[in-house]
Amino acid sequence: METITPHHFVGLGGVLFAIGFLGVVIRRNLLLVLMSLELMLNGVNVALVAFSRTSLNLDGSLFVFFIMTVAASEVAVGLALLVALYKKRASVFSEDMSLLSN
């Protein structure tokens, strides 16, 4: 039986980050873009926890705590902007975002 090494966790974090990055680049729906940004942040969190566990210190876990608080505030602000966009244009697509200036 093979043991799980930190390389596996770093690989998982890289895959999560890559999927999130593709979601940000490809998607037009702003809600899905926000979800993809969260996926990218979670990929970074997995890698940081793996590095923290291998080096036997809590620095990476502390960074994860701060990243999670920033992600929570990003979701709150992002969803508020999406609600404002939907009330103004009845759409949550990224091409309608430039129309907010009218």
Protein backbone atom coordinates (compact mmCIF):
# COMPACT_ATOMS: atom_id res chain seq x y z
CA MET A 1 0.00 0.00 0.00
CA GLU A 2 1.36 3.39 -1.00
CA THR A 3 1.46 6.18 1.55
CA ILE A 4 0.23 9.66 0.75
CA THR A 5 3.11 12.11 0.59
CA PRO A 6 3.09 15.92 0.57
CA HIS A 7 3.69 15.71 -3.19
CA HIS A 8 0.20 14.30 -3.57
CA PHE A 9 -1.30 17.23 -1.68
CA VAL A 10 0.70 19.77 -3.65
CA GLY A 11 -0.43 18.07 -6.86
CA LEU A 12 -4.04 18.20 -5.69
CA GLY A 13 -3.64 21.89 -4.85
CA GLY A 14 -2.17 22.53 -8.30
CA VAL A 15 -5.02 20.70 -10.01
CA LEU A 16 -7.62 22.66 -8.00
CA PHE A 17 -5.86 25.91 -8.83
CA ALA A 18 -5.70 25.02 -12.54
CA ILE A 19 -9.39 24.10 -12.67
CA GLY A 20 -10.26 27.35 -10.91
CA PHE A 21 -8.07 29.35 -13.29
CA LEU A 22 -9.73 27.76 -16.31
CA GLY A 23 -13.12 28.59 -14.80
CA VAL A 24 -12.14 32.23 -14.37
CA VAL A 25 -10.79 32.49 -17.92
CA ILE A 26 -13.52 30.55 -19.74
CA ARG A 27 -16.77 31.30 -17.89
CA ARG A 28 -18.99 34.30 -18.60
CA ASN A 29 -21.34 33.90 -15.66
CA LEU A 30 -19.97 36.02 -12.81
CA LEU A 31 -21.31 33.67 -10.14
CA LEU A 32 -19.30 30.82 -11.67
CA VAL A 33 -16.26 33.11 -11.87
CA LEU A 34 -16.56 33.79 -8.12
CA MET A 35 -16.86 30.05 -7.48
CA SER A 36 -13.76 29.46 -9.59
CA LEU A 37 -11.85 32.08 -7.58
CA GLU A 38 -12.83 30.24 -4.41
CA LEU A 39 -11.56 27.01 -5.96
CA MET A 40 -8.25 28.69 -6.71
CA LEU A 41 -7.97 29.89 -3.12
CA ASN A 42 -8.76 26.40 -1.83
CA GLY A 43 -6.03 24.96 -4.04
CA VAL A 44 -3.55 27.36 -2.47
CA ASN A 45 -4.86 26.45 0.99
CA VAL A 46 -4.28 22.74 0.39
CA ALA A 47 -0.70 23.40 -0.72
CA LEU A 48 -0.03 25.68 2.26
CA VAL A 49 -1.33 23.12 4.74
CA ALA A 50 0.80 20.43 3.10
CA PHE A 51 3.90 22.62 3.39
CA SER A 52 2.99 23.46 6.98
CA ARG A 53 2.65 19.80 7.90
CA THR A 54 5.95 18.79 6.32
CA SER A 55 7.95 21.60 7.92
CA LEU A 56 6.24 20.99 11.30
CA ASN A 57 5.39 24.62 11.95
CA LEU A 58 2.12 26.52 11.92
CA ASP A 59 3.03 29.32 9.53
CA GLY A 60 1.18 27.79 6.58
CA SER A 61 -1.91 27.12 8.69
CA LEU A 62 -1.86 30.72 9.86
CA PHE A 63 -1.78 31.90 6.24
CA VAL A 64 -4.70 29.58 5.47
CA PHE A 65 -6.70 31.22 8.25
CA PHE A 66 -6.10 34.67 6.77
CA ILE A 67 -6.85 33.47 3.24
CA MET A 68 -10.16 32.02 4.41
CA THR A 69 -11.17 35.31 6.06
CA VAL A 70 -10.29 37.25 2.92
CA ALA A 71 -12.23 34.72 0.82
CA ALA A 72 -15.29 35.13 3.03
CA SER A 73 -15.21 38.89 2.64
CA GLU A 74 -14.65 38.51 -1.11
CA VAL A 75 -17.76 36.36 -1.37
CA ALA A 76 -19.84 38.89 0.56
CA VAL A 77 -18.72 41.82 -1.60
CA GLY A 78 -18.91 39.82 -4.81
CA LEU A 79 -22.43 38.61 -4.14
CA ALA A 80 -23.52 42.15 -3.26
CA LEU A 81 -22.14 43.34 -6.60
CA LEU A 82 -23.90 40.50 -8.40
CA VAL A 83 -27.22 41.41 -6.77
CA ALA A 84 -26.74 45.05 -7.80
CA LEU A 85 -25.88 43.96 -11.36
CA TYR A 86 -28.90 41.69 -11.53
CA LYS A 87 -31.24 44.44 -10.27
CA LYS A 88 -29.84 46.88 -12.84
CA ARG A 89 -29.59 44.63 -15.92
CA ALA A 90 -31.42 41.38 -15.03
CA SER A 91 -28.29 39.47 -15.99
CA VAL A 92 -25.17 38.13 -14.27
CA PHE A 93 -22.99 37.75 -17.34
CA SER A 94 -19.61 39.44 -17.54
CA GLU A 95 -20.32 41.29 -20.80
CA ASP A 96 -23.14 43.17 -19.04
CA MET A 97 -20.75 44.45 -16.37
CA SER A 98 -19.45 47.26 -18.58
CA LEU A 99 -23.01 48.48 -19.00
CA LEU A 100 -23.21 49.54 -15.35
CA SER A 101 -21.83 52.97 -16.19
CA ASN A 102 -25.04 53.90 -18.07
